[in-house]
Protein backbone atom coordinates (compact mmCIF):
# COMPACT_ATOMS: atom_id res chain seq x y z
CA MET A 1 -81.30 99.96 15.68
CA GLU A 2 -80.86 98.22 18.97
CA ARG A 3 -79.81 94.57 19.05
CA ASP A 4 -80.36 92.02 21.80
CA PHE A 5 -77.07 90.78 23.20
CA ILE A 6 -75.45 89.19 26.18
CA ASP A 7 -71.94 89.74 27.38
CA LEU A 8 -69.20 87.07 27.03
CA PHE A 9 -69.20 86.06 30.68
CA GLU A 10 -72.96 85.42 30.61
CA PHE A 11 -72.53 83.48 27.43
CA GLN A 12 -69.75 81.37 28.92
CA THR A 13 -71.84 80.92 32.09
CA ARG A 14 -74.81 79.64 30.09
CA LEU A 15 -72.46 77.34 28.15
CA LYS A 16 -71.07 76.07 31.44
CA GLN A 17 -74.51 75.42 32.82
CA GLY A 18 -75.58 73.72 29.64
CA ILE A 19 -72.63 71.40 29.55
CA GLU A 20 -72.86 70.57 33.25
CA SER A 21 -76.60 69.88 32.93
CA LEU A 22 -76.01 67.71 29.82
CA PHE A 23 -73.24 65.73 31.59
CA PRO A 24 -74.08 65.95 35.32
CA ASN A 25 -72.43 62.63 36.10
CA ARG A 26 -69.00 61.18 35.54
CA LEU A 27 -68.42 59.20 32.30
CA TRP A 28 -65.94 56.58 31.25
CA ILE A 29 -64.43 57.45 27.90
CA LYS A 30 -61.75 55.83 25.71
CA ALA A 31 -59.05 58.04 24.23
CA GLU A 32 -55.45 58.20 23.26
CA ILE A 33 -52.96 60.26 25.19
CA SER A 34 -51.35 62.61 22.69
CA ALA A 35 -49.53 64.72 25.29
CA VAL A 36 -48.89 64.42 28.99
CA LYS A 37 -46.96 66.48 31.52
CA ALA A 38 -46.78 66.32 35.33
CA ARG A 39 -46.28 69.77 36.85
CA SER A 40 -44.20 70.55 39.89
CA GLY A 41 -47.35 71.30 41.88
CA GLY A 42 -48.44 67.69 41.50
CA HIS A 43 -51.12 68.19 38.86
CA CYS A 44 -50.92 66.17 35.59
CA TYR A 45 -52.03 67.83 32.39
CA LEU A 46 -52.98 65.74 29.37
CA GLU A 47 -54.19 66.11 25.81
CA LEU A 48 -56.63 63.33 24.83
CA SER A 49 -57.37 62.65 21.20
CA GLN A 50 -59.07 60.23 18.81
CA SER A 51 -58.11 59.43 15.20
CA ASP A 52 -59.49 57.36 12.40
CA ASP A 53 -58.16 56.34 9.03
CA LYS A 54 -58.48 59.94 7.79
CA GLY A 55 -56.66 61.49 10.72
CA LEU A 56 -57.49 63.37 13.89
CA VAL A 57 -61.25 63.61 14.65
CA ALA A 58 -61.32 64.82 18.27
CA LYS A 59 -59.11 66.45 20.84
CA VAL A 60 -59.61 67.86 24.35
CA ASN A 61 -57.51 69.04 27.25
CA ALA A 62 -57.69 67.09 30.55
CA ILE A 63 -56.28 67.39 34.01
CA ILE A 64 -55.71 65.06 36.98
CA TRP A 65 -55.58 67.10 40.14
CA ALA A 66 -52.67 66.40 42.47
CA SER A 67 -54.98 64.93 45.10
CA LYS A 68 -55.99 62.20 42.65
CA TYR A 69 -52.74 61.91 40.64
CA ARG A 70 -50.65 60.85 43.60
CA PHE A 71 -52.80 57.75 43.88
CA ILE A 72 -53.65 57.12 40.17
CA ALA A 73 -50.03 57.30 38.90
CA PRO A 74 -48.38 54.71 41.13
CA TYR A 75 -51.31 52.32 40.84
CA PHE A 76 -51.38 52.55 37.06
CA GLU A 77 -47.66 51.90 36.86
CA SER A 78 -47.77 49.01 39.30
CA VAL A 79 -50.27 47.26 37.05
CA THR A 80 -48.93 48.10 33.64
CA ASP A 81 -45.18 48.48 34.47
CA SER A 82 -45.47 51.85 32.65
CA PRO A 83 -46.34 55.43 33.57
CA LEU A 84 -49.00 57.36 31.64
CA GLN A 85 -47.38 58.33 28.41
CA GLU A 86 -47.96 59.56 24.90
CA GLY A 87 -49.39 57.08 22.44
CA MET A 88 -51.12 55.08 25.07
CA THR A 89 -54.85 54.25 24.75
CA VAL A 90 -56.63 54.66 28.10
CA LEU A 91 -60.09 54.36 29.63
CA VAL A 92 -60.54 57.32 31.93
CA GLU A 93 -63.37 58.36 34.21
CA VAL A 94 -64.02 62.03 33.54
CA GLN A 95 -66.29 64.89 34.55
CA ALA A 96 -67.04 67.63 31.99
CA ASN A 97 -65.78 70.98 33.06
CA PHE A 98 -66.18 74.42 31.57
CA SER A 99 -64.37 77.51 32.75
CA GLN A 100 -65.26 81.03 31.65
CA LEU A 101 -61.51 81.71 31.52
CA TYR A 102 -59.99 78.50 30.26
CA GLY A 103 -62.80 76.87 28.26
CA PHE A 104 -63.76 73.30 28.02
CA SER A 105 -61.74 70.50 29.64
CA LEU A 106 -62.10 67.14 31.31
CA ILE A 107 -61.39 66.47 34.93
CA ILE A 108 -59.99 62.90 35.19
CA ASN A 109 -60.97 61.17 38.42
CA ASP A 110 -59.69 57.68 37.65
CA VAL A 111 -57.79 55.63 35.04
CA ASP A 112 -58.36 51.91 34.43
CA PRO A 113 -54.98 50.26 33.92
CA GLU A 114 -56.51 46.84 33.15
CA PHE A 115 -58.18 48.34 30.09
CA SER A 116 -54.88 49.49 28.63
CA LEU A 117 -53.35 46.11 29.22
CA GLY A 118 -56.36 44.26 27.80
CA LEU A 119 -56.49 46.50 24.70
CA LYS A 120 -52.88 45.84 23.93
CA GLU A 121 -53.39 42.08 24.44
CA LEU A 122 -56.45 42.15 22.14
CA GLU A 123 -54.41 43.97 19.46
CA ARG A 124 -51.60 41.45 19.90
CA GLN A 125 -53.94 38.46 19.35
CA LYS A 126 -55.35 40.04 16.21
CA THR A 127 -51.79 40.59 14.93
CA ILE A 128 -50.93 36.94 15.59
CA GLU A 129 -54.10 35.74 13.82
CA ARG A 130 -53.38 37.99 10.80
CA LEU A 131 -49.77 36.91 10.48
CA THR A 132 -50.84 33.23 10.77
CA SER A 133 -53.52 33.61 8.10
CA GLU A 134 -50.99 35.22 5.79
CA GLY A 135 -48.49 32.38 6.27
CA LEU A 136 -45.82 34.65 7.76
CA MET A 137 -45.26 33.08 11.19
CA ASP A 138 -42.62 30.49 10.20
CA LEU A 139 -40.85 32.06 7.20
CA GLN A 140 -37.81 33.06 9.30
CA LYS A 141 -37.49 29.49 10.64
CA GLU A 142 -36.85 28.35 7.05
CA LEU A 143 -33.69 30.45 6.77
CA ALA A 144 -30.33 28.83 7.56
CA LEU A 145 -28.02 30.54 9.99
CA PRO A 146 -24.39 30.01 8.93
CA ARG A 147 -22.51 27.31 10.85
CA LEU A 148 -20.22 29.95 12.30
CA PRO A 149 -21.96 33.39 11.98
CA TYR A 150 -19.38 36.13 12.16
CA SER A 151 -20.87 39.42 10.95
CA PHE A 152 -24.00 40.86 12.69
CA ALA A 153 -26.03 44.01 12.05
CA VAL A 154 -27.37 45.17 15.45
CA ILE A 155 -30.57 47.23 15.69
CA SER A 156 -30.85 49.03 19.02
CA ALA A 157 -30.55 52.39 20.78
CA PRO A 158 -26.90 53.20 21.43
CA ASP A 159 -27.64 54.31 24.97
CA ALA A 160 -29.65 51.25 25.82
CA ALA A 161 -28.29 49.31 28.74
CA GLY A 162 -29.20 46.07 26.99
CA TYR A 163 -27.04 46.93 24.01
CA ARG A 164 -24.08 47.81 26.18
CA ASP A 165 -24.48 44.57 28.16
CA PHE A 166 -24.56 42.63 24.87
CA VAL A 167 -21.35 44.24 23.49
CA ARG A 168 -19.49 43.87 26.77
CA HIS A 169 -20.56 40.22 27.28
CA LEU A 170 -19.57 39.37 23.72
CA ASP A 171 -16.18 41.11 23.89
CA GLU A 172 -15.30 39.67 27.29
CA ASN A 173 -16.17 36.04 26.53
CA PRO A 174 -13.65 33.66 28.27
CA TYR A 175 -12.82 31.81 25.04
CA GLY A 176 -11.53 34.79 23.12
CA PHE A 177 -13.97 34.25 20.18
CA LYS A 178 -14.24 37.32 17.98
CA VAL A 179 -17.21 38.37 15.85
CA ARG A 180 -18.01 41.63 14.07
CA THR A 181 -21.01 43.76 15.01
CA GLU A 182 -22.29 47.07 13.52
CA LEU A 183 -24.99 49.20 15.18
CA TYR A 184 -28.00 50.57 13.26
CA GLN A 185 -29.73 53.00 15.57
CA ALA A 186 -33.46 52.89 16.13
CA LEU A 187 -36.07 54.03 18.67
CA MET A 188 -36.84 51.01 20.83
CA GLN A 189 -40.12 52.18 22.47
CA GLY A 190 -43.09 54.42 21.82
CA THR A 191 -45.33 54.93 18.84
CA GLU A 192 -42.37 55.69 16.57
CA CYS A 193 -40.59 52.41 17.40
CA PRO A 194 -42.09 50.22 14.59
CA SER A 195 -41.33 52.68 11.81
CA SER A 196 -37.83 53.33 13.25
CA VAL A 197 -36.95 49.63 13.42
CA ILE A 198 -38.35 49.09 9.92
CA ALA A 199 -36.14 51.99 8.65
CA ALA A 200 -33.09 50.35 10.34
CA LEU A 201 -33.88 47.03 8.65
CA ASP A 202 -34.09 48.83 5.35
CA ALA A 203 -30.77 50.52 6.07
CA VAL A 204 -29.07 47.14 6.64
CA MET A 205 -30.29 45.83 3.28
CA ASN A 206 -29.27 49.01 1.46
CA SER A 207 -25.81 49.18 3.08
CA GLY A 208 -24.25 46.86 0.57
CA LYS A 209 -22.49 45.02 3.36
CA GLN A 210 -22.62 41.28 3.90
CA TYR A 211 -24.14 40.24 7.23
CA ASP A 212 -24.80 36.75 8.53
CA ALA A 213 -27.77 37.85 10.67
CA VAL A 214 -29.62 40.79 12.15
CA LEU A 215 -30.01 41.27 15.87
CA ILE A 216 -32.82 43.35 17.47
CA LEU A 217 -31.94 44.30 21.02
CA ARG A 218 -34.02 46.11 23.62
CA GLY A 219 -33.29 44.72 27.08
CA GLY A 220 -36.56 44.86 28.99
CA GLY A 221 -38.94 47.58 30.06
CA SER A 222 -42.59 48.00 30.96
CA LYS A 223 -45.29 45.96 29.21
CA LEU A 224 -46.61 49.02 27.48
CA ASP A 225 -43.10 50.19 26.54
CA LEU A 226 -42.52 46.88 24.85
CA ALA A 227 -45.96 46.67 23.26
CA CYS A 228 -44.58 48.23 20.06
CA PHE A 229 -42.87 44.90 19.37
CA ASP A 230 -46.35 43.44 18.86
CA ASP A 231 -46.91 45.79 15.95
CA TYR A 232 -48.16 44.10 12.75
CA GLN A 233 -46.06 46.08 10.27
CA MET A 234 -42.86 45.56 12.15
CA SER A 235 -43.57 41.84 12.70
CA ALA A 236 -44.47 41.38 9.05
CA VAL A 237 -41.24 42.98 7.87
CA VAL A 238 -39.20 40.83 10.28
CA ALA A 239 -41.04 37.70 9.16
CA GLN A 240 -40.23 38.34 5.45
CA TYR A 241 -36.72 39.62 5.98
CA PRO A 242 -34.17 37.83 3.74
CA LEU A 243 -31.56 37.45 6.54
CA PRO A 244 -32.04 35.50 9.79
CA VAL A 245 -33.35 37.91 12.49
CA LEU A 246 -32.52 37.14 16.14
CA THR A 247 -34.36 39.03 18.86
CA ALA A 248 -33.64 39.84 22.52
CA ILE A 249 -36.35 42.38 23.40
CA GLY A 250 -37.49 41.85 26.96
CA HIS A 251 -37.07 40.21 30.32
CA ASP A 252 -37.85 36.60 31.17
CA GLN A 253 -41.63 37.10 31.28
CA ASP A 254 -41.82 38.98 27.92
CA TYR A 255 -42.66 37.25 24.64
CA HIS A 256 -43.67 39.47 21.70
CA VAL A 257 -44.96 38.93 18.19
CA CYS A 258 -41.58 39.93 16.79
CA ASP A 259 -40.07 37.15 18.92
CA MET A 260 -42.61 34.69 17.49
CA VAL A 261 -41.80 35.44 13.82
CA ALA A 262 -37.98 35.72 14.34
CA HIS A 263 -35.53 33.05 13.24
CA GLU A 264 -34.47 32.70 16.93
CA TYR A 265 -35.29 34.60 20.07
CA VAL A 266 -33.80 34.71 23.54
CA LYS A 267 -34.96 36.58 26.63
CA THR A 268 -32.21 39.18 27.11
CA PRO A 269 -29.30 40.75 25.13
CA THR A 270 -26.84 39.02 27.50
CA ALA A 271 -28.50 35.68 26.72
CA LEU A 272 -28.20 36.45 22.99
CA ALA A 273 -24.44 37.06 23.44
CA ASP A 274 -24.25 33.67 25.24
CA TYR A 275 -26.19 32.07 22.34
CA ILE A 276 -23.64 33.31 19.77
CA ILE A 277 -20.69 32.34 22.00
CA GLY A 278 -22.33 28.94 22.49
CA ILE A 279 -22.36 28.35 18.70
CA TYR A 280 -18.56 28.87 18.64
CA GLU A 281 -18.12 26.89 21.84
CA ASP A 282 -20.00 23.89 20.44
CA GLU A 283 -18.00 24.05 17.13
CA ASP A 284 -14.77 24.27 19.16
CA ALA A 285 -15.82 21.30 21.27
CA GLY A 286 -16.69 19.37 18.10
CA LEU A 287 -13.34 20.13 16.59
CA SER A 288 -11.55 19.10 19.76
CA SER A 289 -13.54 15.87 19.84
CA LEU A 290 -12.69 15.27 16.15
CA GLU A 291 -9.06 16.00 16.89
CA ASN A 292 -9.05 13.48 19.75
CA ARG A 293 -10.72 10.91 17.55
CA MET A 294 -8.24 11.48 14.81
CA ARG A 295 -5.33 11.26 17.25
CA LEU A 296 -6.77 8.02 18.66
CA ALA A 297 -7.32 6.63 15.15
CA VAL A 298 -3.79 7.54 14.05
CA SER A 299 -2.36 6.17 17.31
CA ASN A 300 -4.30 2.89 16.80
CA ARG A 301 -3.22 2.66 13.19
CA LEU A 302 0.44 3.27 14.13
CA TYR A 303 0.14 0.65 16.87
CA ARG A 304 -1.24 -1.86 14.38
CA GLU A 305 1.44 -0.95 11.80
CA GLU A 306 4.19 -1.19 14.36
CA ALA A 307 2.90 -4.57 15.50
CA LEU A 308 2.81 -5.78 11.87
CA LEU A 309 6.33 -4.48 11.26
CA ASP A 310 7.48 -6.20 14.48
CA SER A 311 5.92 -9.43 13.28
CA LEU A 312 7.47 -9.14 9.83
CA ALA A 313 10.82 -8.25 11.34
CA ALA A 314 10.66 -11.29 13.66
CA ARG A 315 9.68 -13.51 10.75
CA VAL A 316 12.51 -12.06 8.60
CA ARG A 317 14.96 -12.39 11.48
CA GLY A 318 13.74 -15.96 12.07
CA GLY A 319 14.08 -16.80 8.37
CA PHE A 320 17.57 -15.30 8.16
CA SER A 321 18.60 -17.04 11.35
CA LEU A 322 17.59 -20.42 9.94
CA LYS A 323 19.31 -19.67 6.63
CA ILE A 324 22.41 -18.42 8.38
CA ALA A 325 22.44 -21.51 10.63
CA ALA A 326 22.12 -23.79 7.62
CA LEU A 327 24.93 -21.92 5.84
CA GLU A 328 27.08 -22.02 8.89
CA SER A 329 26.50 -25.74 9.20
CA ALA A 330 27.37 -26.32 5.52
CA LEU A 331 30.40 -24.13 5.95
CA GLN A 332 31.47 -26.08 8.95
CA VAL A 333 31.15 -29.36 7.04
CA LEU A 334 33.10 -27.90 4.13
CA GLN A 335 35.72 -26.51 6.46
CA THR A 336 36.03 -29.95 8.09
CA ARG A 337 36.39 -31.65 4.72
CA ILE A 338 38.93 -29.04 3.60
CA GLU A 339 40.88 -29.48 6.80
CA SER A 340 40.70 -33.24 6.44
CA ALA A 341 42.08 -32.97 2.91
CA ASP A 342 44.86 -30.61 3.88
CA PRO A 343 48.19 -32.42 3.19
CA ARG A 344 49.73 -30.80 6.18
CA ARG A 345 47.45 -32.77 8.45
CA ILE A 346 48.64 -35.94 6.75
CA LEU A 347 52.27 -34.94 7.22
CA HIS A 348 51.69 -34.35 10.90
CA ARG A 349 50.59 -38.00 11.16
CA GLY A 350 54.11 -39.09 10.04
CA TYR A 351 53.61 -39.31 6.29
CA ALA A 352 55.79 -37.60 3.63
CA LEU A 353 54.82 -35.99 0.33
CA ALA A 354 57.01 -36.15 -2.81
CA VAL A 355 56.92 -33.46 -5.51
CA ASP A 356 58.87 -33.12 -8.69
CA ALA A 357 61.00 -30.16 -9.70
CA ASP A 358 57.86 -28.26 -10.83
CA GLY A 359 56.14 -28.83 -7.48
CA VAL A 360 53.70 -31.36 -8.83
CA VAL A 361 52.77 -34.02 -6.31
CA LEU A 362 54.14 -37.43 -7.32
CA LYS A 363 51.45 -40.01 -6.94
CA GLY A 364 53.81 -42.75 -8.04
CA VAL A 365 57.23 -43.41 -9.64
CA LYS A 366 55.84 -43.59 -13.08
CA GLY A 367 57.30 -40.81 -15.14
CA LEU A 368 60.45 -40.50 -13.00
CA SER A 369 63.86 -41.12 -14.47
CA LYS A 370 67.33 -41.49 -13.10
CA GLY A 371 68.79 -38.17 -12.25
CA ASP A 372 65.48 -36.36 -11.64
CA CYS A 373 65.23 -34.02 -8.70
CA VAL A 374 62.57 -34.87 -6.15
CA SER A 375 61.60 -32.95 -3.05
CA VAL A 376 60.30 -34.98 -0.10
CA LEU A 377 58.13 -32.93 2.19
CA TYR A 378 57.77 -33.65 5.91
CA SER A 379 55.78 -31.79 8.59
CA ASP A 380 58.93 -30.12 9.83
CA GLY A 381 60.85 -29.58 6.54
CA ARG A 382 61.87 -31.13 3.29
CA VAL A 383 64.67 -33.23 1.73
CA GLU A 384 66.01 -32.63 -1.73
CA CYS A 385 66.78 -35.92 -3.45
CA THR A 386 68.16 -37.10 -6.85
CA VAL A 387 66.69 -40.29 -8.35
CA ASP A 388 69.41 -42.96 -8.64
CA ASP A 389 67.07 -45.62 -9.87
CA VAL A 390 63.36 -46.16 -10.52
CA ILE A 391 61.98 -49.48 -9.38
CA LEU A 392 58.44 -50.38 -10.23
CA GLU A 393 56.55 -52.52 -7.74
CA SER A 394 54.42 -55.19 -9.30
CA LYS A 395 50.74 -55.19 -8.40
CA VAL A 396 49.68 -57.92 -6.12
């Protein structure tokens, strides 16, 4: 029994004609780049795909010929700050192509960089709105950073220039302040970045170590490289993290959702090192100011106490001087009186003093008898006498 048939080439030719007749013109399609490789000949080969909640639903090979790629690639990168790469959603102008040898593929004639940027920005705004509606935007702000944070868990890639800059700037600070840092490695770009950072955050919590804060460092890159830090899941985990999270993800023009929900964010890893050093510098300045105020207060107190002591000493010295002067005056009067009463002074004036044999001064002749011995004292000597007779003088 004979069967009608056509050979493979004719079948492929009819298929090619059907496809080209069905899609005679170029089309703009949206797809995700699941693989990309630029060959040495200048051509760029891509795998485009589409997924939904259940997984992969479409996939096709595509190519950008060298004649187009040398213009498309630099323009795309100049607008997005990123080359075409895996995980990127793009809007591409394509022409359906079917080869009897290589099968179906798409020829890419153009790529719209504004679409990729706009799509990421739209996703970013939706993430912000969702986090806001869930009350997660300000949770980190309610956490208290220790007055002098010392121990930090750092989430970054070990070979990232930003991480190395951070460590060097922190270690070489001119004040000699020392803090402790420990690196938890994570991918810092691409589609795996959010899950990798979340895993690192989990590792910090499960480490059993005490940290004052967590630092997420990236150090700049293209807009699309850094778009992973607008991811909802990562931002939600950061927002609800029990430790303060400080971010330094991009350059001056970058501000991501993770930055918005973080406890504190700065532009660059070097700026984050300065922020930490600044905390210690402010505390040191405060202590120095307090020390100066204490020194001044003590100095003023000592001055007042010394002045009071000087005043008391002056009053004591004045009181003693008056007392001493009064005593000296009384002593002088007493001395004068004693000197005046000194018999020797009387004797010098030409008088004599008579004493009996016992040395008792004779104030009169009463009590003397004939034969008693009497000494008569003069200023220059004495005369020993014997009483021959006692004659009483009658009172006038």
